[in-house]
């Protein structure tokens, strides 16, 4: 009788452990998915920042070129 109860308890414990392992695997999978999503968003932000920096540099270069052209025109008019 005790042997049967011990076997049933061992089987129940094994089942509970298997369920817990399955739940932990699901949690790990969700965590990795969130990590990948965060990496992707960070890459997008970095690309946007780089594009904004490039645009700013291009605008500054264009502004500098226009100022130089205006100075040359003023010098020619004088």
C-alpha atoms as a PDB file:
ATOM      1  CA  UNK A   1       0.000   0.000   0.000  1.00  0.00           C
ATOM      2  CA  UNK A   2       2.780   2.426   0.940  1.00  0.00           C
ATOM      3  CA  UNK A   3       4.691   1.474  -2.195  1.00  0.00           C
ATOM      4  CA  UNK A   4       1.693   2.288  -4.365  1.00  0.00           C
ATOM      5  CA  UNK A   5       1.262   5.674  -2.651  1.00  0.00           C
ATOM      6  CA  UNK A   6       4.957   6.427  -3.023  1.00  0.00           C
ATOM      7  CA  UNK A   7       4.829   5.556  -6.736  1.00  0.00           C
ATOM      8  CA  UNK A   8       1.742   7.733  -7.223  1.00  0.00           C
ATOM      9  CA  UNK A   9       3.390  10.622  -5.340  1.00  0.00           C
ATOM     10  CA  UNK A  10       6.566  10.228  -7.419  1.00  0.00           C
ATOM     11  CA  UNK A  11       4.525  10.198 -10.630  1.00  0.00           C
ATOM     12  CA  UNK A  12       2.582  13.282  -9.523  1.00  0.00           C
ATOM     13  CA  UNK A  13       5.824  15.064  -8.597  1.00  0.00           C
ATOM     14  CA  UNK A  14       7.327  14.176 -11.969  1.00  0.00           C
ATOM     15  CA  UNK A  15       4.230  15.534 -13.708  1.00  0.00           C
ATOM     16  CA  UNK A  16       4.370  18.763 -11.718  1.00  0.00           C
ATOM     17  CA  UNK A  17       8.060  19.168 -12.529  1.00  0.00           C
ATOM     18  CA  UNK A  18       7.415  18.543 -16.221  1.00  0.00           C
ATOM     19  CA  UNK A  19       4.676  21.195 -16.198  1.00  0.00           C
ATOM     20  CA  UNK A  20       6.936  23.654 -14.402  1.00  0.00           C
ATOM     21  CA  UNK A  21       9.729  23.037 -16.894  1.00  0.00           C
ATOM     22  CA  UNK A  22       7.312  23.624 -19.766  1.00  0.00           C
ATOM     23  CA  UNK A  23       6.152  26.895 -18.197  1.00  0.00           C
ATOM     24  CA  UNK A  24       9.747  28.019 -17.672  1.00  0.00           C
ATOM     25  CA  UNK A  25      10.555  27.255 -21.295  1.00  0.00           C
ATOM     26  CA  UNK A  26       7.584  29.378 -22.395  1.00  0.00           C
ATOM     27  CA  UNK A  27       8.721  32.227 -20.151  1.00  0.00           C
ATOM     28  CA  UNK A  28      12.229  31.978 -21.574  1.00  0.00           C
ATOM     29  CA  UNK A  29      10.849  32.056 -25.106  1.00  0.00           C
ATOM     30  CA  UNK A  30       8.825  35.197 -24.285  1.00  0.00           C
ATOM     31  CA  UNK A  31      11.862  36.820 -22.690  1.00  0.00           C
ATOM     32  CA  UNK A  32      14.014  36.164 -25.787  1.00  0.00           C
ATOM     33  CA  UNK A  33      11.243  37.537 -27.975  1.00  0.00           C
ATOM     34  CA  UNK A  34      11.150  40.742 -25.912  1.00  0.00           C
ATOM     35  CA  UNK A  35      14.942  40.995 -26.062  1.00  0.00           C
ATOM     36  CA  UNK A  36      14.899  40.681 -29.849  1.00  0.00           C
ATOM     37  CA  UNK A  37      12.105  43.257 -30.102  1.00  0.00           C
ATOM     38  CA  UNK A  38      14.082  45.661 -27.930  1.00  0.00           C
ATOM     39  CA  UNK A  39      17.187  45.150 -30.075  1.00  0.00           C
ATOM     40  CA  UNK A  40      15.179  45.817 -33.222  1.00  0.00           C
ATOM     41  CA  UNK A  41      13.685  49.001 -31.765  1.00  0.00           C
ATOM     42  CA  UNK A  42      17.109  50.184 -30.624  1.00  0.00           C
ATOM     43  CA  UNK A  43      18.485  49.639 -34.136  1.00  0.00           C
ATOM     44  CA  UNK A  44      15.589  51.632 -35.583  1.00  0.00           C
ATOM     45  CA  UNK A  45      16.242  54.484 -33.157  1.00  0.00           C
ATOM     46  CA  UNK A  46      19.942  54.483 -34.012  1.00  0.00           C
ATOM     47  CA  UNK A  47      19.164  54.560 -37.741  1.00  0.00           C
ATOM     48  CA  UNK A  48      16.776  57.474 -37.256  1.00  0.00           C
ATOM     49  CA  UNK A  49      19.359  59.353 -35.179  1.00  0.00           C
ATOM     50  CA  UNK A  50      22.027  58.744 -37.812  1.00  0.00           C
ATOM     51  CA  UNK A  51      19.692  59.912 -40.573  1.00  0.00           C
ATOM     52  CA  UNK A  52      18.856  63.051 -38.572  1.00  0.00           C
ATOM     53  CA  UNK A  53      22.546  63.735 -37.996  1.00  0.00           C
ATOM     54  CA  UNK A  54      23.254  63.258 -41.702  1.00  0.00           C
ATOM     55  CA  UNK A  55      20.406  65.607 -42.612  1.00  0.00           C
ATOM     56  CA  UNK A  56      21.675  68.191 -40.140  1.00  0.00           C
ATOM     57  CA  UNK A  57      25.194  67.994 -41.568  1.00  0.00           C
ATOM     58  CA  UNK A  58      23.871  68.341 -45.104  1.00  0.00           C
ATOM     59  CA  UNK A  59      21.825  71.403 -44.117  1.00  0.00           C
ATOM     60  CA  UNK A  60      24.813  72.967 -42.410  1.00  0.00           C
ATOM     61  CA  UNK A  61      27.004  72.319 -45.448  1.00  0.00           C
ATOM     62  CA  UNK A  62      24.366  73.844 -47.734  1.00  0.00           C
ATOM     63  CA  UNK A  63      24.021  76.872 -45.444  1.00  0.00           C
ATOM     64  CA  UNK A  64      27.788  77.332 -45.385  1.00  0.00           C
ATOM     65  CA  UNK A  65      27.956  77.089 -49.166  1.00  0.00           C
ATOM     66  CA  UNK A  66      25.200  79.688 -49.581  1.00  0.00           C
ATOM     67  CA  UNK A  67      26.912  82.039 -47.150  1.00  0.00           C
ATOM     68  CA  UNK A  68      30.165  81.668 -49.056  1.00  0.00           C
ATOM     69  CA  UNK A  69      28.394  82.393 -52.346  1.00  0.00           C
ATOM     70  CA  UNK A  70      26.746  85.485 -50.835  1.00  0.00           C
ATOM     71  CA  UNK A  71      30.104  86.725 -49.546  1.00  0.00           C
ATOM     72  CA  UNK A  72      31.609  86.227 -53.012  1.00  0.00           C
ATOM     73  CA  UNK A  73      28.718  88.157 -54.585  1.00  0.00           C
ATOM     74  CA  UNK A  74      29.154  90.993 -52.100  1.00  0.00           C
ATOM     75  CA  UNK A  75      32.875  91.062 -52.777  1.00  0.00           C
ATOM     76  CA  UNK A  76      32.274  91.235 -56.512  1.00  0.00           C
ATOM     77  CA  UNK A  77      29.735  94.028 -56.114  1.00  0.00           C
ATOM     78  CA  UNK A  78      32.127  96.137 -54.047  1.00  0.00           C
END
